[in-house]
Amino acid sequence: MRADLHVHSTASDGTDPPAEVMRRAARAGLDVVALTDHDTVAGHAEACAAAGPLTFLPGMELSCRLDGRSLHMLAYLFDADQAELAAELTRIRDDRVLRARAMVDKLAGLGVDVSWGQVAAIAGQAVVGRPHIARAMADSGAIASPREAFTRDWIADGGRAYVGRYALDPARAIDLVRAAGGVTALAHPRAGRDTWVTNEQIAGLAAVGLAGLEVFHPDQSEAERARLIALAHDLALVPTGGSDDHGSLTDYRLGSETTSAEAYQDLLSRVPRPA
């Protein structure tokens, strides 16, 4: 069994509609796919309808902040209509718009010819994210490709045009998802800008209900994976895996990293039982 538990669509910052994501998943030989768009479940109905023989796992990538730094939490099998969780998601999405507008203003001050209208047109009905701004920057000719936007010169964390936004404390995110009947896994803890996360911090999250740790991710080295596998074992966390596919933005890597059948079943077994 091959399960990719970290995938994005045009419901947030991926480039393919949810139905196309599922069709690509079938072509990639996957058995289970979790659509984990940022702070939204807007793509779930379309993805589920297009799943065919695939098992569709409802998911989301939640925006969190720990010690003043951005952290992402993967959530699965929760009730998105649960009142507290729904209210927090609305607040996060609303603040994403305010933040994106502020970043566009900063870019304009740096001489980049982008407007909020351009960014909004690229995002469409999706949850607005930095990749939409990066695509607008590339379209304007300020950079050669969207990836070049994620530097300190532009919109990377701490960059000249970076603006912070509202995000959840990860312990609260775990609690909200559990209260909504779901489970969580810490996303890419040793990839890219998340390499600052310590074992002690992960242990603290495990103590308050974290279920899994994303060990298998394209941007995590073999050495880091080995260390994370050992940590997951020590903390009794499920070692999950996913491609973090964003369509053309990540060179269509759906299925490049997966979760084992044993780990998938272990994750499902940790879904809270109704009281």
C-alpha atoms as a PDB file:
ATOM      1  CA  MET A   1       0.000   0.000   0.000  1.00  0.00           C
ATOM      2  CA  ARG A   2       1.246   3.491  -0.908  1.00  0.00           C
ATOM      3  CA  ALA A   3      -0.173   6.461   1.009  1.00  0.00           C
ATOM      4  CA  ASP A   4       0.824  10.087   0.325  1.00  0.00           C
ATOM      5  CA  LEU A   5      -0.383  12.071   3.344  1.00  0.00           C
ATOM      6  CA  HIS A   6       0.728  15.575   2.360  1.00  0.00           C
ATOM      7  CA  VAL A   7      -0.666  17.020  -0.890  1.00  0.00           C
ATOM      8  CA  HIS A   8      -1.869  20.480  -2.007  1.00  0.00           C
ATOM      9  CA  SER A   9      -4.293  21.747  -4.642  1.00  0.00           C
ATOM     10  CA  THR A  10      -5.673  25.023  -5.971  1.00  0.00           C
ATOM     11  CA  ALA A  11      -7.798  25.188  -2.811  1.00  0.00           C
ATOM     12  CA  SER A  12      -4.645  26.725  -1.312  1.00  0.00           C
ATOM     13  CA  ASP A  13      -1.258  27.128  -3.010  1.00  0.00           C
ATOM     14  CA  GLY A  14      -1.040  24.138  -5.337  1.00  0.00           C
ATOM     15  CA  THR A  15      -1.362  24.561  -9.098  1.00  0.00           C
ATOM     16  CA  ASP A  16      -3.768  21.695  -9.914  1.00  0.00           C
ATOM     17  CA  PRO A  17      -7.492  21.456  -9.029  1.00  0.00           C
ATOM     18  CA  PRO A  18      -8.382  18.772  -6.454  1.00  0.00           C
ATOM     19  CA  ALA A  19      -9.864  16.443  -9.080  1.00  0.00           C
ATOM     20  CA  GLU A  20      -6.687  16.591 -11.161  1.00  0.00           C
ATOM     21  CA  VAL A  21      -4.614  15.903  -8.049  1.00  0.00           C
ATOM     22  CA  MET A  22      -6.579  12.687  -7.545  1.00  0.00           C
ATOM     23  CA  ARG A  23      -6.167  11.696 -11.190  1.00  0.00           C
ATOM     24  CA  ARG A  24      -2.409  12.252 -10.915  1.00  0.00           C
ATOM     25  CA  ALA A  25      -2.400  10.204  -7.706  1.00  0.00           C
ATOM     26  CA  ALA A  26      -3.999   7.272  -9.520  1.00  0.00           C
ATOM     27  CA  ARG A  27      -1.437   7.525 -12.317  1.00  0.00           C
ATOM     28  CA  ALA A  28       1.326   7.563  -9.701  1.00  0.00           C
ATOM     29  CA  GLY A  29       0.097   4.237  -8.344  1.00  0.00           C
ATOM     30  CA  LEU A  30      -1.041   5.566  -4.973  1.00  0.00           C
ATOM     31  CA  ASP A  31      -3.670   3.836  -2.841  1.00  0.00           C
ATOM     32  CA  VAL A  32      -4.348   6.583  -0.277  1.00  0.00           C
ATOM     33  CA  VAL A  33      -4.158  10.360  -0.714  1.00  0.00           C
ATOM     34  CA  ALA A  34      -4.638  13.046   1.919  1.00  0.00           C
ATOM     35  CA  LEU A  35      -5.493  16.486   0.556  1.00  0.00           C
ATOM     36  CA  THR A  36      -3.863  18.838   3.073  1.00  0.00           C
ATOM     37  CA  ASP A  37      -4.410  22.353   1.799  1.00  0.00           C
ATOM     38  CA  HIS A  38      -3.434  25.235   4.046  1.00  0.00           C
ATOM     39  CA  ASP A  39      -6.094  26.112   6.622  1.00  0.00           C
ATOM     40  CA  THR A  40      -9.012  24.934   4.453  1.00  0.00           C
ATOM     41  CA  VAL A  41     -11.048  21.902   3.471  1.00  0.00           C
ATOM     42  CA  ALA A  42     -12.533  23.638   0.426  1.00  0.00           C
ATOM     43  CA  GLY A  43     -11.119  21.041  -1.975  1.00  0.00           C
ATOM     44  CA  HIS A  44     -12.358  17.967  -0.140  1.00  0.00           C
ATOM     45  CA  ALA A  45     -15.700  17.487  -1.893  1.00  0.00           C
ATOM     46  CA  GLU A  46     -14.165  17.697  -5.367  1.00  0.00           C
ATOM     47  CA  ALA A  47     -11.256  15.421  -4.438  1.00  0.00           C
ATOM     48  CA  CYS A  48     -13.533  12.831  -2.849  1.00  0.00           C
ATOM     49  CA  ALA A  49     -15.827  12.798  -5.887  1.00  0.00           C
ATOM     50  CA  ALA A  50     -12.835  12.207  -8.178  1.00  0.00           C
ATOM     51  CA  ALA A  51     -11.108   9.605  -5.985  1.00  0.00           C
ATOM     52  CA  GLY A  52     -12.466   6.540  -7.789  1.00  0.00           C
ATOM     53  CA  PRO A  53     -10.680   3.451  -6.384  1.00  0.00           C
ATOM     54  CA  LEU A  54      -8.333   5.615  -4.284  1.00  0.00           C
ATOM     55  CA  THR A  55      -8.923   6.079  -0.575  1.00  0.00           C
ATOM     56  CA  PHE A  56      -9.369   9.784   0.089  1.00  0.00           C
ATOM     57  CA  LEU A  57      -8.169  10.866   3.541  1.00  0.00           C
ATOM     58  CA  PRO A  58      -9.574  14.252   4.644  1.00  0.00           C
ATOM     59  CA  GLY A  59      -6.731  16.477   5.794  1.00  0.00           C
ATOM     60  CA  MET A  60      -5.407  19.997   6.223  1.00  0.00           C
ATOM     61  CA  GLU A  61      -2.124  21.773   6.971  1.00  0.00           C
ATOM     62  CA  LEU A  62      -2.697  24.090   9.910  1.00  0.00           C
ATOM     63  CA  SER A  63      -0.731  27.320  10.394  1.00  0.00           C
ATOM     64  CA  CYS A  64       0.932  27.388  13.810  1.00  0.00           C
ATOM     65  CA  ARG A  65       3.533  29.483  15.609  1.00  0.00           C
ATOM     66  CA  LEU A  66       5.950  28.286  18.274  1.00  0.00           C
ATOM     67  CA  ASP A  67       8.306  30.623  20.095  1.00  0.00           C
ATOM     68  CA  GLY A  68       7.588  33.299  17.498  1.00  0.00           C
ATOM     69  CA  ARG A  69       8.400  31.078  14.506  1.00  0.00           C
ATOM     70  CA  SER A  70       6.197  29.477  11.861  1.00  0.00           C
ATOM     71  CA  LEU A  71       5.340  25.802  12.265  1.00  0.00           C
ATOM     72  CA  HIS A  72       2.942  23.611  10.277  1.00  0.00           C
ATOM     73  CA  MET A  73       0.695  20.906  11.658  1.00  0.00           C
ATOM     74  CA  LEU A  74      -0.917  18.241   9.491  1.00  0.00           C
ATOM     75  CA  ALA A  75      -4.416  17.272  10.630  1.00  0.00           C
ATOM     76  CA  TYR A  76      -6.529  14.314   9.503  1.00  0.00           C
ATOM     77  CA  LEU A  77     -10.079  12.988   9.894  1.00  0.00           C
ATOM     78  CA  PHE A  78     -11.412  15.964  11.876  1.00  0.00           C
ATOM     79  CA  ASP A  79     -14.843  17.589  11.700  1.00  0.00           C
ATOM     80  CA  ALA A  80     -14.156  20.942  10.007  1.00  0.00           C
ATOM     81  CA  ASP A  81     -17.551  22.228  11.154  1.00  0.00           C
ATOM     82  CA  GLN A  82     -16.690  21.866  14.833  1.00  0.00           C
ATOM     83  CA  ALA A  83     -17.351  25.374  16.140  1.00  0.00           C
ATOM     84  CA  GLU A  84     -14.021  26.274  17.761  1.00  0.00           C
ATOM     85  CA  LEU A  85     -11.912  24.846  14.953  1.00  0.00           C
ATOM     86  CA  ALA A  86     -14.063  26.500  12.281  1.00  0.00           C
ATOM     87  CA  ALA A  87     -13.777  29.879  14.006  1.00  0.00           C
ATOM     88  CA  GLU A  88      -9.985  29.644  14.192  1.00  0.00           C
ATOM     89  CA  LEU A  89      -9.735  28.637  10.541  1.00  0.00           C
ATOM     90  CA  THR A  90     -11.812  31.648   9.523  1.00  0.00           C
ATOM     91  CA  ARG A  91      -9.565  33.939  11.560  1.00  0.00           C
ATOM     92  CA  ILE A  92      -6.419  32.450  10.009  1.00  0.00           C
ATOM     93  CA  ARG A  93      -7.755  32.775   6.454  1.00  0.00           C
ATOM     94  CA  ASP A  94      -8.911  36.359   6.993  1.00  0.00           C
ATOM     95  CA  ASP A  95      -5.497  37.328   8.344  1.00  0.00           C
ATOM     96  CA  ARG A  96      -3.801  35.688   5.357  1.00  0.00           C
ATOM     97  CA  VAL A  97      -5.516  38.257   3.126  1.00  0.00           C
ATOM     98  CA  LEU A  98      -4.431  41.185   5.312  1.00  0.00           C
ATOM     99  CA  ARG A  99      -0.889  39.850   5.383  1.00  0.00           C
ATOM    100  CA  ALA A 100      -0.726  39.319   1.624  1.00  0.00           C
ATOM    101  CA  ARG A 101      -1.907  42.868   0.987  1.00  0.00           C
ATOM    102  CA  ALA A 102       0.763  44.203   3.354  1.00  0.00           C
ATOM    103  CA  MET A 103       3.459  42.160   1.606  1.00  0.00           C
ATOM    104  CA  VAL A 104       2.374  43.477  -1.789  1.00  0.00           C
ATOM    105  CA  ASP A 105       2.672  47.014  -0.406  1.00  0.00           C
ATOM    106  CA  LYS A 106       6.183  46.265   0.843  1.00  0.00           C
ATOM    107  CA  LEU A 107       7.177  44.824  -2.530  1.00  0.00           C
ATOM    108  CA  ALA A 108       5.868  47.919  -4.276  1.00  0.00           C
ATOM    109  CA  GLY A 109       8.048  49.997  -1.971  1.00  0.00           C
ATOM    110  CA  LEU A 110      11.009  47.892  -3.072  1.00  0.00           C
ATOM    111  CA  GLY A 111      10.274  48.625  -6.731  1.00  0.00           C
ATOM    112  CA  VAL A 112       8.501  45.374  -7.617  1.00  0.00           C
ATOM    113  CA  ASP A 113       5.638  45.987 -10.037  1.00  0.00           C
ATOM    114  CA  VAL A 114       2.951  43.783  -8.465  1.00  0.00           C
ATOM    115  CA  SER A 115      -0.521  44.664  -7.248  1.00  0.00           C
ATOM    116  CA  TRP A 116      -3.036  43.078  -4.939  1.00  0.00           C
ATOM    117  CA  GLY A 117      -5.310  42.612  -7.957  1.00  0.00           C
ATOM    118  CA  GLN A 118      -2.685  40.434  -9.639  1.00  0.00           C
ATOM    119  CA  VAL A 119      -2.187  38.295  -6.553  1.00  0.00           C
ATOM    120  CA  ALA A 120      -5.937  37.945  -5.992  1.00  0.00           C
ATOM    121  CA  ALA A 121      -6.432  36.886  -9.625  1.00  0.00           C
ATOM    122  CA  ILE A 122      -3.773  34.179  -9.284  1.00  0.00           C
ATOM    123  CA  ALA A 123      -5.235  32.926  -6.002  1.00  0.00           C
ATOM    124  CA  GLY A 124      -8.837  32.972  -7.239  1.00  0.00           C
ATOM    125  CA  GLN A 125     -11.026  31.321  -4.583  1.00  0.00           C
ATOM    126  CA  ALA A 126      -8.022  29.684  -2.910  1.00  0.00           C
ATOM    127  CA  VAL A 127      -6.614  30.473   0.522  1.00  0.00           C
ATOM    128  CA  VAL A 128      -4.017  33.165  -0.192  1.00  0.00           C
ATOM    129  CA  GLY A 129      -0.398  32.245   0.450  1.00  0.00           C
ATOM    130  CA  ARG A 130       3.098  33.413  -0.321  1.00  0.00           C
ATOM    131  CA  PRO A 131       3.336  31.170  -3.425  1.00  0.00           C
ATOM    132  CA  HIS A 132       0.621  33.310  -5.042  1.00  0.00           C
ATOM    133  CA  ILE A 133       2.708  36.430  -4.387  1.00  0.00           C
ATOM    134  CA  ALA A 134       5.784  34.641  -5.713  1.00  0.00           C
ATOM    135  CA  ARG A 135       3.963  33.780  -8.934  1.00  0.00           C
ATOM    136  CA  ALA A 136       2.888  37.407  -9.351  1.00  0.00           C
ATOM    137  CA  MET A 137       6.498  38.502  -8.854  1.00  0.00           C
ATOM    138  CA  ALA A 138       7.657  36.082 -11.542  1.00  0.00           C
ATOM    139  CA  ASP A 139       4.916  37.257 -13.905  1.00  0.00           C
ATOM    140  CA  SER A 140       6.097  40.853 -13.383  1.00  0.00           C
ATOM    141  CA  GLY A 141       9.666  39.942 -14.337  1.00  0.00           C
ATOM    142  CA  ALA A 142      11.091  40.866 -10.944  1.00  0.00           C
ATOM    143  CA  ILE A 143      12.359  37.298 -10.532  1.00  0.00           C
ATOM    144  CA  ALA A 144      12.925  34.484 -13.000  1.00  0.00           C
ATOM    145  CA  SER A 145      10.849  31.861 -11.146  1.00  0.00           C
ATOM    146  CA  PRO A 146       8.553  31.763  -8.091  1.00  0.00           C
ATOM    147  CA  ARG A 147      11.174  29.898  -6.076  1.00  0.00           C
ATOM    148  CA  GLU A 148      13.457  32.937  -6.188  1.00  0.00           C
ATOM    149  CA  ALA A 149      10.932  34.879  -4.090  1.00  0.00           C
ATOM    150  CA  PHE A 150      11.689  32.766  -1.023  1.00  0.00           C
ATOM    151  CA  THR A 151      14.918  34.486  -0.025  1.00  0.00           C
ATOM    152  CA  ARG A 152      15.794  37.130   2.542  1.00  0.00           C
ATOM    153  CA  ASP A 153      15.777  39.638  -0.329  1.00  0.00           C
ATOM    154  CA  TRP A 154      12.066  39.120  -0.802  1.00  0.00           C
ATOM    155  CA  ILE A 155       9.369  37.163   1.069  1.00  0.00           C
ATOM    156  CA  ALA A 156      11.174  34.448   3.023  1.00  0.00           C
ATOM    157  CA  ASP A 157      10.784  34.548   6.804  1.00  0.00           C
ATOM    158  CA  GLY A 158      12.532  37.729   7.933  1.00  0.00           C
ATOM    159  CA  GLY A 159      12.893  38.957   4.339  1.00  0.00           C
ATOM    160  CA  ARG A 160      12.572  42.577   3.257  1.00  0.00           C
ATOM    161  CA  ALA A 161       8.936  42.146   2.229  1.00  0.00           C
ATOM    162  CA  TYR A 162       7.974  39.587   4.858  1.00  0.00           C
ATOM    163  CA  VAL A 163       4.948  40.216   7.082  1.00  0.00           C
ATOM    164  CA  GLY A 164       3.857  37.962   9.942  1.00  0.00           C
ATOM    165  CA  ARG A 165       0.293  36.750  10.444  1.00  0.00           C
ATOM    166  CA  TYR A 166      -2.013  35.091  12.926  1.00  0.00           C
ATOM    167  CA  ALA A 167      -1.343  31.422  13.616  1.00  0.00           C
ATOM    168  CA  LEU A 168      -2.224  28.912  16.315  1.00  0.00           C
ATOM    169  CA  ASP A 169      -0.101  27.767  19.199  1.00  0.00           C
ATOM    170  CA  PRO A 170       0.658  24.154  18.174  1.00  0.00           C
ATOM    171  CA  ALA A 171      -0.569  22.723  21.481  1.00  0.00           C
ATOM    172  CA  ARG A 172      -3.889  24.484  20.925  1.00  0.00           C
ATOM    173  CA  ALA A 173      -3.998  23.222  17.331  1.00  0.00           C
ATOM    174  CA  ILE A 174      -3.540  19.658  18.575  1.00  0.00           C
ATOM    175  CA  ASP A 175      -6.289  20.143  21.142  1.00  0.00           C
ATOM    176  CA  LEU A 176      -8.686  21.675  18.591  1.00  0.00           C
ATOM    177  CA  VAL A 177      -8.161  18.843  16.108  1.00  0.00           C
ATOM    178  CA  ARG A 178      -8.595  16.186  18.807  1.00  0.00           C
ATOM    179  CA  ALA A 179     -11.779  17.899  20.016  1.00  0.00           C
ATOM    180  CA  ALA A 180     -13.001  17.754  16.401  1.00  0.00           C
ATOM    181  CA  GLY A 181     -12.337  14.007  16.270  1.00  0.00           C
ATOM    182  CA  GLY A 182      -9.031  14.093  14.376  1.00  0.00           C
ATOM    183  CA  VAL A 183      -5.318  13.381  14.722  1.00  0.00           C
ATOM    184  CA  THR A 184      -2.230  15.490  14.030  1.00  0.00           C
ATOM    185  CA  ALA A 185       1.293  15.023  12.704  1.00  0.00           C
ATOM    186  CA  LEU A 186       4.051  17.622  12.775  1.00  0.00           C
ATOM    187  CA  ALA A 187       4.877  18.620   9.191  1.00  0.00           C
ATOM    188  CA  HIS A 188       8.459  18.488   7.830  1.00  0.00           C
ATOM    189  CA  PRO A 189      10.236  19.236  11.154  1.00  0.00           C
ATOM    190  CA  ARG A 190      13.734  19.131   9.609  1.00  0.00           C
ATOM    191  CA  ALA A 191      13.109  20.567   6.143  1.00  0.00           C
ATOM    192  CA  GLY A 192      13.905  24.035   4.849  1.00  0.00           C
ATOM    193  CA  ARG A 193      13.081  26.767   7.326  1.00  0.00           C
ATOM    194  CA  ASP A 194      11.819  24.291   9.967  1.00  0.00           C
ATOM    195  CA  THR A 195      15.245  22.931  10.940  1.00  0.00           C
ATOM    196  CA  TRP A 196      15.146  24.997  14.135  1.00  0.00           C
ATOM    197  CA  VAL A 197      12.563  22.709  15.785  1.00  0.00           C
ATOM    198  CA  THR A 198      14.234  20.834  18.648  1.00  0.00           C
ATOM    199  CA  ASN A 199      13.672  17.320  19.944  1.00  0.00           C
ATOM    200  CA  GLU A 200      12.574  18.842  23.243  1.00  0.00           C
ATOM    201  CA  GLN A 201       9.906  20.923  21.516  1.00  0.00           C
ATOM    202  CA  ILE A 202       8.639  17.879  19.634  1.00  0.00           C
ATOM    203  CA  ALA A 203       8.571  15.898  22.888  1.00  0.00           C
ATOM    204  CA  GLY A 204       6.482  18.671  24.437  1.00  0.00           C
ATOM    205  CA  LEU A 205       3.944  18.385  21.623  1.00  0.00           C
ATOM    206  CA  ALA A 206       3.889  14.590  21.931  1.00  0.00           C
ATOM    207  CA  ALA A 207       3.036  15.035  25.609  1.00  0.00           C
ATOM    208  CA  VAL A 208      -0.105  17.021  24.726  1.00  0.00           C
ATOM    209  CA  GLY A 209      -1.454  14.672  22.079  1.00  0.00           C
ATOM    210  CA  LEU A 210       0.615  14.895  18.881  1.00  0.00           C
ATOM    211  CA  ALA A 211       0.117  11.590  17.057  1.00  0.00           C
ATOM    212  CA  GLY A 212       2.653  11.632  14.225  1.00  0.00           C
ATOM    213  CA  LEU A 213       5.901  13.018  12.892  1.00  0.00           C
ATOM    214  CA  GLU A 214       6.471  13.578   9.171  1.00  0.00           C
ATOM    215  CA  VAL A 215       9.705  11.681   8.699  1.00  0.00           C
ATOM    216  CA  PHE A 216       9.582  11.064   4.942  1.00  0.00           C
ATOM    217  CA  HIS A 217       9.569  14.385   3.093  1.00  0.00           C
ATOM    218  CA  PRO A 218      11.451  15.354  -0.100  1.00  0.00           C
ATOM    219  CA  ASP A 219      13.381  18.132   1.647  1.00  0.00           C
ATOM    220  CA  GLN A 220      14.656  16.044   4.570  1.00  0.00           C
ATOM    221  CA  SER A 221      18.039  14.331   4.202  1.00  0.00           C
ATOM    222  CA  GLU A 222      18.620  10.656   4.878  1.00  0.00           C
ATOM    223  CA  ALA A 223      20.569  11.575   7.998  1.00  0.00           C
ATOM    224  CA  GLU A 224      17.700  13.690   9.305  1.00  0.00           C
ATOM    225  CA  ARG A 225      15.219  10.920   8.501  1.00  0.00           C
ATOM    226  CA  ALA A 226      17.250   8.451  10.529  1.00  0.00           C
ATOM    227  CA  ARG A 227      17.278  10.819  13.491  1.00  0.00           C
ATOM    228  CA  LEU A 228      13.537  11.462  13.169  1.00  0.00           C
ATOM    229  CA  ILE A 229      12.739   7.740  12.981  1.00  0.00           C
ATOM    230  CA  ALA A 230      14.632   7.246  16.231  1.00  0.00           C
ATOM    231  CA  LEU A 231      12.833  10.215  17.802  1.00  0.00           C
ATOM    232  CA  ALA A 232       9.433   8.962  16.659  1.00  0.00           C
ATOM    233  CA  HIS A 233      10.202   5.585  18.223  1.00  0.00           C
ATOM    234  CA  ASP A 234      11.316   7.155  21.513  1.00  0.00           C
ATOM    235  CA  LEU A 235       8.195   9.350  21.697  1.00  0.00           C
ATOM    236  CA  ALA A 236       5.750   6.702  20.396  1.00  0.00           C
ATOM    237  CA  LEU A 237       4.849   8.894  17.407  1.00  0.00           C
ATOM    238  CA  VAL A 238       3.727   7.547  14.032  1.00  0.00           C
ATOM    239  CA  PRO A 239       6.429   8.110  11.339  1.00  0.00           C
ATOM    240  CA  THR A 240       4.433   9.516   8.410  1.00  0.00           C
ATOM    241  CA  GLY A 241       5.439  10.521   4.902  1.00  0.00           C
ATOM    242  CA  GLY A 242       4.193  12.699   2.091  1.00  0.00           C
ATOM    243  CA  SER A 243       5.348  14.444  -1.045  1.00  0.00           C
ATOM    244  CA  ASP A 244       4.181  17.964  -0.089  1.00  0.00           C
ATOM    245  CA  ASP A 245       3.263  18.186  -3.773  1.00  0.00           C
ATOM    246  CA  HIS A 246       2.200  21.626  -5.066  1.00  0.00           C
ATOM    247  CA  GLY A 247       1.887  20.684  -8.727  1.00  0.00           C
ATOM    248  CA  SER A 248       4.161  22.598 -11.090  1.00  0.00           C
ATOM    249  CA  LEU A 249       5.677  24.568  -8.179  1.00  0.00           C
ATOM    250  CA  THR A 250       7.319  21.359  -6.927  1.00  0.00           C
ATOM    251  CA  ASP A 251       7.813  19.636 -10.293  1.00  0.00           C
ATOM    252  CA  TYR A 252       4.852  17.271  -9.893  1.00  0.00           C
ATOM    253  CA  ARG A 253       6.321  15.054  -7.204  1.00  0.00           C
ATOM    254  CA  LEU A 254       3.087  13.404  -6.016  1.00  0.00           C
ATOM    255  CA  GLY A 255       3.899   9.985  -4.555  1.00  0.00           C
ATOM    256  CA  SER A 256       7.625  10.675  -4.261  1.00  0.00           C
ATOM    257  CA  GLU A 257       7.385  10.101  -0.489  1.00  0.00           C
ATOM    258  CA  THR A 258       4.841   7.886   1.213  1.00  0.00           C
ATOM    259  CA  THR A 259       3.614   6.488   4.521  1.00  0.00           C
ATOM    260  CA  SER A 260       3.931   2.739   5.117  1.00  0.00           C
ATOM    261  CA  ALA A 261       0.823   0.594   5.494  1.00  0.00           C
ATOM    262  CA  GLU A 262       1.745  -0.127   9.117  1.00  0.00           C
ATOM    263  CA  ALA A 263       2.189   3.555   9.956  1.00  0.00           C
ATOM    264  CA  TYR A 264      -1.040   4.472   8.162  1.00  0.00           C
ATOM    265  CA  GLN A 265      -3.033   1.955  10.170  1.00  0.00           C
ATOM    266  CA  ASP A 266      -1.329   3.136  13.377  1.00  0.00           C
ATOM    267  CA  LEU A 267      -2.331   6.722  12.605  1.00  0.00           C
ATOM    268  CA  LEU A 268      -5.952   5.688  12.023  1.00  0.00           C
ATOM    269  CA  SER A 269      -5.965   3.782  15.293  1.00  0.00           C
ATOM    270  CA  ARG A 270      -5.164   7.013  17.156  1.00  0.00           C
ATOM    271  CA  VAL A 271      -8.305   8.817  16.042  1.00  0.00           C
ATOM    272  CA  PRO A 272     -10.132   9.728  19.286  1.00  0.00           C
ATOM    273  CA  ARG A 273     -13.120   7.543  20.062  1.00  0.00           C
ATOM    274  CA  PRO A 274     -16.419   9.386  20.587  1.00  0.00           C
ATOM    275  CA  ALA A 275     -17.205   9.803  24.275  1.00  0.00           C
END
